[in-house]
Amino acid sequence: MPVYGRTFGQIKGDTLRAAGDLVRSGTATSGSATTIVDTVNFIDATDTALKGVHFNIINGAGQSRAGRATAFTPGTDTLTIPSGTAIDSTSEYLLSYRFSHGDLLSAIRRALWSLGKWAKDWEDQSLILGSPLVNATFYDNSGTFPNGWTRTGTGGVFTQESTISKHGRYAASIVSDGTNAAGIRQDVLNVGRYRGKQVRAKAWLFTNTASRVEFLIDDGIDTTTGLLTLATTNRGWGTAIAETPSLTVSDRATRLRVSVNITAGGAVTAYVSGVFVTGYDWREWDIPAGSPRAVTEALYENSMEGHFDNYLELHNGLTVVRETTRRLRVENTLPQGHILHLKGRTNWADHATAASDDDTTFDEISAWLIAQAAYLLLMTKPRTEDLPLIKELKEEADRLRPSATALPAGALLIER
């Protein structure tokens, strides 16, 4: 059965195992800038057993460190390595004999690129029709709070919530720490478009303590108009979207900022989705996060309940503005506040570094990637005794190989 959802760090270990070269894997019990200590797994009887092995730290302290050990001391279960970021009890490692981390990474890259330049699936729900704001529910692997938003206050935990959601597939969850204020805010980039206009901010909000959640919009001049503290009777999503009072943006406005805040005090949980600004029909955005190379499908909500079954015709309803920064433009007049759901393809260039990509989840068929990468790895230094394994891995990779790699006809290419 195909395996999904493995991180690239796990795939590295699985690839070495498939190639017969995973000497040890585990978590260090301690370490330093020049040592890896594991009193559980380093139990070899001689000092030559682990001397000279290749090491790679795939998680925890020292993540992305890789190199070759210079000595092993069995009495203290200590591997001596070149100096670098200190290793500690959070450091997860891989050890191999024949193949270095560079060999392994090269094989994984070659396997990925063998599918084609634009073979990595890509989806995005960061764009809200008619609004310049990035969707508060949109996360990727670059941070712990929503893309495009800034954390406010010193307390709180920010996550993407898939169960309690009203607008689109997700909500943004904010959980205050019981003492300090916590929240998120986002500034509109081209505030000049809004000067002199009457605006409101709207969103779906849910909280267990309505009197402690603020939803506001300000222009840097008037910082009080637009403040809304949710009434106790509006704790759930309800049937109506929450909105701030109207704010007439000053001609001297220095910003246009939307904020969702939990005030200081006891622990409170708040969920927010579908935050948008009215007063100007916004139809143009920077290319969304993830650097897509092509958009193959565009859908938008037919209601505020998150149903995506309305199609937007590529090359007609959706175009790319040819500026220095590529921008997407919706040509049609569509309902404000509804989320635009884009599907497409991107390339594998974002899986070229160890530190961040070891944490990245590979959501395609990882069993194929492991077999293909292990096959390519063995082919770099083939031995006679490897031939049966090489043949087995090649057959497994061919059997699991994803079939559809070409871009569908009519895809909207986004040139770089």
Protein backbone atom coordinates (compact mmCIF):
# COMPACT_ATOMS: atom_id res chain seq x y z
CA MET A 1 0.00 0.00 0.00
CA PRO A 2 1.39 3.46 -0.87
CA VAL A 3 2.71 5.46 2.09
CA TYR A 4 1.94 9.18 2.37
CA GLY A 5 2.86 11.94 4.78
CA ARG A 6 6.52 11.10 5.50
CA THR A 7 8.92 13.94 6.24
CA PHE A 8 12.03 14.28 4.13
CA GLY A 9 14.13 13.50 7.20
CA GLN A 10 12.28 10.19 7.56
CA ILE A 11 12.59 9.55 3.83
CA LYS A 12 16.37 9.94 4.10
CA GLY A 13 16.50 7.23 6.77
CA ASP A 14 14.15 4.97 4.82
CA THR A 15 16.24 5.42 1.67
CA LEU A 16 19.47 4.45 3.44
CA ARG A 17 17.67 1.44 4.95
CA ALA A 18 16.37 0.38 1.53
CA ALA A 19 19.90 0.67 0.12
CA GLY A 20 21.26 -1.45 2.97
CA ASP A 21 23.40 1.33 4.39
CA LEU A 22 21.59 2.55 7.52
CA VAL A 23 24.13 1.80 10.26
CA ARG A 24 22.27 3.49 13.09
CA SER A 25 19.35 5.90 13.56
CA GLY A 26 17.98 7.36 16.74
CA THR A 27 18.08 10.29 19.14
CA ALA A 28 21.24 11.27 20.96
CA THR A 29 21.17 11.00 24.75
CA SER A 30 23.62 13.91 24.94
CA GLY A 31 26.37 15.59 22.95
CA SER A 32 28.42 18.70 22.34
CA ALA A 33 29.86 20.74 19.49
CA THR A 34 32.21 17.84 18.68
CA THR A 35 30.41 14.72 19.92
CA ILE A 36 27.26 12.62 19.53
CA VAL A 37 26.52 10.39 22.53
CA ASP A 38 23.91 7.62 22.50
CA THR A 39 24.05 5.22 25.45
CA VAL A 40 21.14 3.22 23.96
CA ASN A 41 22.27 2.54 20.38
CA PHE A 42 26.07 2.99 20.42
CA ILE A 43 26.90 -0.40 21.94
CA ASP A 44 29.70 -1.58 19.66
CA ALA A 45 32.53 -3.45 21.36
CA THR A 46 35.47 -2.05 19.41
CA ASP A 47 36.64 1.46 18.76
CA THR A 48 36.67 0.86 14.98
CA ALA A 49 33.03 -0.17 14.64
CA LEU A 50 31.65 3.36 14.14
CA LYS A 51 34.84 5.22 13.32
CA GLY A 52 34.57 7.01 10.00
CA VAL A 53 30.78 6.74 9.60
CA HIS A 54 28.85 9.49 7.85
CA PHE A 55 26.43 11.33 10.13
CA ASN A 56 23.43 13.55 9.43
CA ILE A 57 21.32 15.37 12.04
CA ILE A 58 17.76 15.45 10.69
CA ASN A 59 15.94 17.04 13.63
CA GLY A 60 16.53 18.85 16.92
CA ALA A 61 19.69 20.65 17.99
CA GLY A 62 22.23 20.75 15.19
CA GLN A 63 19.64 19.98 12.50
CA SER A 64 21.21 19.93 9.01
CA ARG A 65 24.68 19.11 10.33
CA ALA A 66 26.35 16.42 8.24
CA GLY A 67 29.85 15.07 7.86
CA ARG A 68 32.12 12.19 8.76
CA ALA A 69 33.03 11.00 12.26
CA THR A 70 36.71 10.88 13.17
CA ALA A 71 36.61 8.53 16.16
CA PHE A 72 34.40 6.35 18.36
CA THR A 73 34.91 5.70 22.07
CA PRO A 74 32.93 2.58 23.09
CA GLY A 75 33.42 3.08 26.84
CA THR A 76 31.41 6.31 26.77
CA ASP A 77 29.31 5.56 23.67
CA THR A 78 30.71 8.71 22.06
CA LEU A 79 31.13 9.50 18.39
CA THR A 80 33.64 12.29 17.69
CA ILE A 81 32.68 14.65 14.86
CA PRO A 82 34.01 17.94 13.39
CA SER A 83 33.11 21.04 15.41
CA GLY A 84 29.78 22.74 14.76
CA THR A 85 26.42 23.51 16.36
CA ALA A 86 26.15 21.63 19.66
CA ILE A 87 24.33 18.29 19.77
CA ASP A 88 22.00 17.51 22.69
CA SER A 89 19.25 15.08 23.72
CA THR A 90 16.88 16.44 21.04
CA SER A 91 19.20 15.64 18.13
CA GLU A 92 17.94 12.92 15.79
CA TYR A 93 20.67 11.35 13.67
CA LEU A 94 21.32 8.97 10.77
CA LEU A 95 24.60 7.06 10.39
CA SER A 96 25.79 5.39 7.18
CA TYR A 97 28.98 3.71 5.93
CA ARG A 98 29.07 3.83 2.14
CA PHE A 99 27.04 6.90 1.28
CA SER A 100 27.48 10.46 2.53
CA HIS A 101 24.67 12.92 3.11
CA GLY A 102 25.63 14.59 -0.18
CA ASP A 103 25.23 11.26 -2.01
CA LEU A 104 21.83 10.72 -0.37
CA LEU A 105 20.52 14.22 -1.09
CA SER A 106 21.67 14.00 -4.71
CA ALA A 107 19.81 10.69 -5.20
CA ILE A 108 16.59 12.11 -3.70
CA ARG A 109 16.79 15.20 -5.90
CA ARG A 110 17.41 13.12 -9.03
CA ALA A 111 14.45 10.90 -8.16
CA LEU A 112 12.15 13.90 -7.72
CA TRP A 113 13.25 15.63 -10.88
CA SER A 114 12.82 12.42 -12.88
CA LEU A 115 9.07 13.00 -12.59
CA GLY A 116 9.34 16.23 -14.54
CA LYS A 117 9.99 19.91 -13.93
CA TRP A 118 6.49 20.74 -12.69
CA ALA A 119 5.54 17.48 -11.01
CA LYS A 120 4.99 18.65 -7.43
CA ASP A 121 1.32 19.22 -6.58
CA TRP A 122 0.44 22.64 -5.17
CA GLU A 123 -2.72 24.04 -3.56
CA ASP A 124 -3.50 27.43 -2.10
CA GLN A 125 -6.40 29.11 -0.30
CA SER A 126 -4.64 32.32 0.70
CA LEU A 127 -6.59 34.67 -1.58
CA ILE A 128 -9.91 36.21 -0.54
CA LEU A 129 -11.95 37.66 -3.40
CA GLY A 130 -12.36 41.43 -3.25
CA SER A 131 -9.90 41.84 -0.36
CA PRO A 132 -6.16 42.57 -0.24
CA LEU A 133 -5.71 40.52 2.95
CA VAL A 134 -4.02 37.14 2.98
CA ASN A 135 -6.41 34.53 4.39
CA ALA A 136 -5.86 34.10 8.13
CA THR A 137 -6.28 30.34 7.76
CA PHE A 138 -3.34 29.92 5.38
CA TYR A 139 -0.18 28.32 6.77
CA ASP A 140 2.85 26.71 5.17
CA ASN A 141 6.10 25.42 6.70
CA SER A 142 7.67 28.85 7.11
CA GLY A 143 6.16 29.83 10.46
CA THR A 144 3.90 29.14 13.42
CA PHE A 145 1.27 31.77 12.67
CA PRO A 146 -0.65 32.51 9.46
CA ASN A 147 1.20 33.63 6.33
CA GLY A 148 1.08 37.38 5.83
CA TRP A 149 0.02 38.07 9.43
CA THR A 150 2.08 39.44 12.32
CA ARG A 151 1.87 38.17 15.87
CA THR A 152 0.74 40.66 18.52
CA GLY A 153 1.11 40.37 22.28
CA THR A 154 3.51 38.10 24.12
CA GLY A 155 1.17 35.20 24.89
CA GLY A 156 -0.64 32.67 22.80
CA VAL A 157 -0.27 29.64 20.57
CA PHE A 158 -1.25 29.90 16.89
CA THR A 159 -2.28 26.87 14.82
CA GLN A 160 -4.37 25.89 11.82
CA GLU A 161 -7.68 24.36 12.89
CA SER A 162 -9.41 21.87 10.58
CA THR A 163 -12.31 20.75 12.80
CA ILE A 164 -13.82 24.02 14.01
CA SER A 165 -14.10 25.97 10.78
CA LYS A 166 -16.76 28.00 9.06
CA HIS A 167 -15.20 29.64 6.02
CA GLY A 168 -13.12 27.49 3.70
CA ARG A 169 -11.38 24.33 4.91
CA TYR A 170 -9.71 25.79 8.00
CA ALA A 171 -9.82 28.36 10.77
CA ALA A 172 -6.88 30.05 12.47
CA SER A 173 -6.77 29.11 16.15
CA ILE A 174 -5.45 31.54 18.78
CA VAL A 175 -5.11 30.25 22.35
CA SER A 176 -3.96 32.84 24.90
CA ASP A 177 -1.60 31.72 27.66
CA GLY A 178 -3.73 32.76 30.62
CA THR A 179 -1.84 35.97 31.39
CA ASN A 180 -0.77 37.99 28.36
CA ALA A 181 -2.57 39.42 25.36
CA ALA A 182 -2.32 37.55 22.04
CA GLY A 183 -3.47 38.20 18.52
CA ILE A 184 -2.70 38.59 14.84
CA ARG A 185 -2.73 41.61 12.54
CA GLN A 186 -2.19 42.38 8.88
CA ASP A 187 -1.58 45.66 7.05
CA VAL A 188 -2.99 46.41 3.60
CA LEU A 189 -0.05 47.15 1.30
CA ASN A 190 -1.55 49.89 -0.93
CA VAL A 191 -3.37 51.99 1.62
CA GLY A 192 -3.67 54.82 -0.92
CA ARG A 193 -6.47 52.98 -2.71
CA TYR A 194 -8.60 53.27 0.42
CA ARG A 195 -8.04 56.93 1.38
CA GLY A 196 -11.38 58.73 1.60
CA LYS A 197 -13.35 55.49 1.33
CA GLN A 198 -15.64 53.99 3.93
CA VAL A 199 -14.46 50.53 4.92
CA ARG A 200 -15.36 47.69 7.23
CA ALA A 201 -13.56 44.52 8.24
CA LYS A 202 -15.59 41.31 8.25
CA ALA A 203 -14.82 37.80 9.47
CA TRP A 204 -16.20 34.61 10.95
CA LEU A 205 -15.27 34.50 14.64
CA PHE A 206 -15.82 31.87 17.30
CA THR A 207 -14.69 32.03 20.93
CA ASN A 208 -15.45 30.58 24.34
CA THR A 209 -15.20 34.03 25.99
CA ALA A 210 -16.70 36.64 23.68
CA SER A 211 -16.06 39.63 25.95
CA ARG A 212 -12.27 39.15 25.64
CA VAL A 213 -11.98 39.06 21.83
CA GLU A 214 -11.48 42.26 19.80
CA PHE A 215 -11.90 42.62 16.06
CA LEU A 216 -10.87 46.00 14.69
CA ILE A 217 -9.70 48.05 11.73
CA ASP A 218 -7.66 51.27 11.96
CA ASP A 219 -5.86 53.65 9.60
CA GLY A 220 -3.08 54.92 11.88
CA ILE A 221 -4.97 58.15 12.49
CA ASP A 222 -8.23 56.92 13.95
CA THR A 223 -7.35 54.01 16.20
CA THR A 224 -10.63 53.68 18.05
CA THR A 225 -13.37 53.73 15.39
CA GLY A 226 -13.85 50.23 14.14
CA LEU A 227 -13.24 48.54 17.49
CA LEU A 228 -15.66 45.72 18.16
CA THR A 229 -15.82 43.62 21.31
CA LEU A 230 -17.99 40.60 20.60
CA ALA A 231 -21.18 40.43 22.53
CA THR A 232 -21.81 37.46 24.80
CA THR A 233 -24.68 36.43 22.54
CA ASN A 234 -22.33 36.12 19.55
CA ARG A 235 -19.99 33.43 20.80
CA GLY A 236 -20.57 30.96 17.96
CA TRP A 237 -20.33 31.27 14.21
CA GLY A 238 -24.06 31.94 14.03
CA THR A 239 -25.69 32.82 10.72
CA ALA A 240 -24.15 36.27 10.31
CA ILE A 241 -20.57 37.31 9.71
CA ALA A 242 -19.01 39.56 12.36
CA GLU A 243 -18.09 43.03 11.16
CA THR A 244 -16.58 46.21 12.53
CA PRO A 245 -18.36 49.57 12.43
CA SER A 246 -17.61 51.68 9.34
CA LEU A 247 -14.33 53.59 9.21
CA THR A 248 -13.74 56.47 6.78
CA VAL A 249 -10.07 56.20 5.90
CA SER A 250 -8.26 59.50 6.44
CA ASP A 251 -6.47 61.26 3.56
CA ARG A 252 -3.50 61.25 5.94
CA ALA A 253 -3.78 57.52 6.65
CA THR A 254 -0.43 55.87 7.29
CA ARG A 255 -1.78 52.34 7.22
CA LEU A 256 -4.90 50.23 7.04
CA ARG A 257 -4.62 47.48 9.65
CA VAL A 258 -6.97 44.65 10.59
CA SER A 259 -6.48 42.95 13.96
CA VAL A 260 -7.97 40.06 15.90
CA ASN A 261 -6.91 40.23 19.54
CA ILE A 262 -7.45 38.39 22.79
CA THR A 263 -6.99 40.85 25.65
CA ALA A 264 -4.79 40.06 28.66
CA GLY A 265 -6.27 37.85 31.35
CA GLY A 266 -7.25 34.21 31.77
CA ALA A 267 -6.81 31.66 28.98
CA VAL A 268 -9.17 32.17 26.02
CA THR A 269 -9.51 30.34 22.69
CA ALA A 270 -10.59 32.15 19.53
CA TYR A 271 -11.03 30.90 15.97
CA VAL A 272 -11.06 33.19 12.95
CA SER A 273 -11.53 32.65 9.22
CA GLY A 274 -12.47 34.60 6.11
CA VAL A 275 -11.19 38.01 7.23
CA PHE A 276 -11.74 40.58 4.47
CA VAL A 277 -12.02 44.32 3.93
CA THR A 278 -14.91 45.97 2.05
CA GLY A 279 -14.86 49.36 0.36
CA TYR A 280 -12.77 48.50 -2.70
CA ASP A 281 -13.12 45.56 -5.09
CA TRP A 282 -9.65 44.06 -4.96
CA ARG A 283 -8.88 41.78 -7.91
CA GLU A 284 -5.09 41.58 -8.06
CA TRP A 285 -2.62 39.81 -5.75
CA ASP A 286 1.03 38.81 -5.68
CA ILE A 287 1.60 35.18 -6.68
CA PRO A 288 0.66 33.16 -3.55
CA ALA A 289 3.13 31.43 -1.25
CA GLY A 290 4.86 28.34 -2.60
CA SER A 291 5.99 29.87 -5.91
CA PRO A 292 3.65 27.92 -8.20
CA ARG A 293 4.89 27.37 -11.75
CA ALA A 294 1.43 26.71 -13.14
CA VAL A 295 -2.22 26.90 -12.10
CA THR A 296 -4.28 23.98 -13.38
CA GLU A 297 -7.61 24.68 -11.69
CA ALA A 298 -9.27 27.66 -10.01
CA LEU A 299 -12.39 27.39 -7.89
CA TYR A 300 -14.19 29.90 -5.71
CA GLU A 301 -16.79 29.50 -2.99
CA ASN A 302 -20.43 29.59 -3.97
CA SER A 303 -21.39 30.41 -0.37
CA MET A 304 -19.82 31.50 2.89
CA GLU A 305 -20.04 27.91 4.06
CA GLY A 306 -16.89 26.89 2.22
CA HIS A 307 -18.22 24.96 -0.80
CA PHE A 308 -15.77 25.13 -3.72
CA ASP A 309 -17.76 24.10 -6.78
CA ASN A 310 -17.63 27.24 -8.93
CA TYR A 311 -14.92 27.14 -11.61
CA LEU A 312 -12.97 30.14 -12.85
CA GLU A 313 -11.84 29.76 -16.45
CA LEU A 314 -8.06 29.94 -16.83
CA HIS A 315 -6.63 32.40 -19.39
CA ASN A 316 -9.95 34.24 -19.32
CA GLY A 317 -11.24 34.78 -15.80
CA LEU A 318 -7.72 34.46 -14.34
CA THR A 319 -4.59 36.03 -15.84
CA VAL A 320 -1.01 36.84 -14.86
CA VAL A 321 0.05 40.49 -14.83
CA ARG A 322 3.50 40.72 -16.47
CA GLU A 323 5.33 42.91 -13.98
CA THR A 324 8.64 42.45 -12.16
CA THR A 325 6.66 40.74 -9.40
CA ARG A 326 4.23 38.38 -11.09
CA ARG A 327 0.66 39.03 -9.97
CA LEU A 328 -2.60 37.11 -10.41
CA ARG A 329 -5.64 39.05 -11.59
CA VAL A 330 -9.28 37.98 -11.54
CA GLU A 331 -11.09 39.59 -14.48
CA ASN A 332 -14.62 38.77 -13.32
CA THR A 333 -16.66 40.55 -10.66
CA LEU A 334 -17.05 37.92 -7.96
CA PRO A 335 -18.60 37.99 -4.45
CA GLN A 336 -16.35 39.73 -1.92
CA GLY A 337 -15.09 37.71 1.01
CA HIS A 338 -15.20 34.32 -0.71
CA ILE A 339 -12.00 32.28 -0.83
CA LEU A 340 -10.27 31.54 -4.13
CA HIS A 341 -8.96 27.95 -4.17
CA LEU A 342 -6.09 27.40 -6.63
CA LYS A 343 -4.63 24.05 -7.68
CA GLY A 344 -1.48 23.66 -9.71
CA ARG A 345 2.07 22.41 -9.98
CA THR A 346 5.45 23.63 -8.88
CA ASN A 347 8.95 22.19 -9.16
CA TRP A 348 11.25 20.44 -6.73
CA ALA A 349 13.69 23.30 -6.13
CA ASP A 350 12.22 23.86 -2.66
CA HIS A 351 13.58 20.48 -1.51
CA ALA A 352 17.25 21.30 -1.95
CA THR A 353 18.29 22.25 1.59
CA ALA A 354 18.51 20.10 4.68
CA ALA A 355 17.64 22.39 7.59
CA SER A 356 14.10 23.29 6.59
CA ASP A 357 13.21 20.49 4.21
CA ASP A 358 13.87 17.66 6.68
CA ASP A 359 10.69 18.86 8.44
CA THR A 360 8.70 19.16 5.21
CA THR A 361 6.06 16.51 4.61
CA PHE A 362 6.17 14.72 1.26
CA ASP A 363 2.48 14.18 0.53
CA GLU A 364 2.93 12.15 -2.63
CA ILE A 365 3.74 8.41 -2.71
CA SER A 366 6.84 8.27 -0.52
CA ALA A 367 7.27 4.53 -1.11
CA TRP A 368 8.04 5.34 -4.75
CA LEU A 369 10.50 8.07 -3.82
CA ILE A 370 12.34 5.79 -1.35
CA ALA A 371 12.67 2.94 -3.87
CA GLN A 372 13.74 5.25 -6.71
CA ALA A 373 16.24 7.19 -4.57
CA ALA A 374 17.73 3.99 -3.10
CA TYR A 375 18.11 2.57 -6.61
CA LEU A 376 19.88 5.73 -7.82
CA LEU A 377 22.04 5.75 -4.70
CA LEU A 378 23.28 2.20 -5.26
CA MET A 379 23.92 2.92 -8.92
CA THR A 380 26.46 5.61 -7.96
CA LYS A 381 28.75 2.97 -6.44
CA PRO A 382 27.44 -0.40 -7.66
CA ARG A 383 28.90 -3.66 -6.37
CA THR A 384 28.31 -7.19 -7.67
CA GLU A 385 26.60 -8.21 -4.45
CA ASP A 386 24.17 -5.29 -4.86
CA LEU A 387 22.73 -6.47 -8.19
CA PRO A 388 19.72 -8.40 -6.79
CA LEU A 389 18.76 -5.47 -4.56
CA ILE A 390 19.22 -2.98 -7.40
CA LYS A 391 16.90 -5.03 -9.60
CA GLU A 392 14.31 -5.30 -6.81
CA LEU A 393 14.34 -1.56 -6.10
CA LYS A 394 14.04 -0.70 -9.80
CA GLU A 395 10.98 -2.95 -10.18
CA GLU A 396 9.39 -1.48 -7.05
CA ALA A 397 10.02 2.10 -8.19
CA ASP A 398 8.59 1.38 -11.65
CA ARG A 399 5.50 -0.22 -10.11
CA LEU A 400 4.79 2.75 -7.81
CA ARG A 401 5.93 5.53 -10.13
CA PRO A 402 3.30 8.31 -10.41
CA SER A 403 1.86 8.37 -13.90
CA ALA A 404 0.53 11.88 -14.56
CA THR A 405 3.46 14.31 -14.61
CA ALA A 406 2.72 16.53 -17.60
CA LEU A 407 0.80 19.75 -17.11
CA PRO A 408 -2.87 19.46 -18.16
CA ALA A 409 -3.82 21.21 -21.40
CA GLY A 410 -4.85 24.78 -20.75
CA ALA A 411 -2.84 25.19 -17.54
CA LEU A 412 -1.96 28.78 -16.71
CA LEU A 413 1.85 28.97 -16.74
CA ILE A 414 3.46 31.47 -14.38
CA GLU A 415 6.84 32.35 -15.87
CA ARG A 416 9.72 33.33 -13.62
